[in-house]
């Protein structure tokens, strides 16, 4: 009887021991699984987003209420083809002063005041590709706006302007061809000693206050 009881106790003890071992193994496997599935905590370093740099102004051009570029003495203007955008000419007005007429047959101004524009004009080789490979510049290309904002509707190219200077000082009468450069004067006959001269070349307008 005691032998049977002892065997029963031993069997029961072995059963509990196996159960305990199984429980420990399960815990270790569960711990390993949790460790493998653990989410890596986020970095403590701040996230810096890359932003596009602010656009750099490409031009400091200023325009009048009329849409023309506001120019001053020494500024360089650019004349482009209206279709191809090729640069055909560059010009600089160095000064605008009362003209001292020295031509062989000077005439009195019709509008009251003759002004001489001292200009440098340089054409490009691309001018030769245009339908009219010549660049002309004369008093016909200018108009006058008075200090009160009124546009003069008369011509600035009068006999007084045309005959003021000797031919050697005037802009070439037959214009410039491709890849040429000249410094000359253009005389305009205006109704007031002060105001604004507007040069209109194709789609481009340039204003000079004097």
Foldseek 3Di string as FASTA:
>chain_A
DVVVVVVVVVVVVVVVVVVVVVVVVVVVVVVVVCVVPPDDDDDPDDDDDDDDDDDDDPDPWDADPVRATEDEAPDKDWDADPPPRHTFKIKGFNDKAFDQFDFPDADAFPQHTKIKTWMKMWTAQVLVVDPDQFDDDAQQQKWWAAPVRRTDPDGFDDSNQVRRYYPVQAADPRGDGHGDMDIHIYMTRHNDPWGWMWGDDPPHIYIYGD
